[in-house]
């Protein structure tokens, strides 16, 4: 999880300084997370480079130059996991942010978990 917190810090810093793309080391967890961010429209692309050892992440901005996401906040750390059941997910306010949840079916968003009626470990939320 320490590698993931460093990874999210790099994403936050890149958005803060309006960078067009960043390079990150490739891990399977980070690649799954980036594919989820791409599917939700937060980034424009993820490309493997250097024989698949690194990832080039192209960040997405609106036509006015504002980033598509402003904040990534970790909910679970290596010492403390935050579990959300299906019932808890139904009570959360929907539409304000995207919660990334690690389930037995892989990484999913809160909306995907509600459709499948499952819960899991809350990894982070993205605003």
Foldseek 3Di string as FASTA:
>chain_A
DVLVVVVQVVVLVCLVVLPQKDKAFDDPQVVLVLVQCCVVPQWPDWDADPVRGMIITGGDADPVSHHPWNDKFFDADPVGWDKDFLVNLVPDDPDPKWWWFQDPVGIDTSVVCNVVRGIHTTTIIID
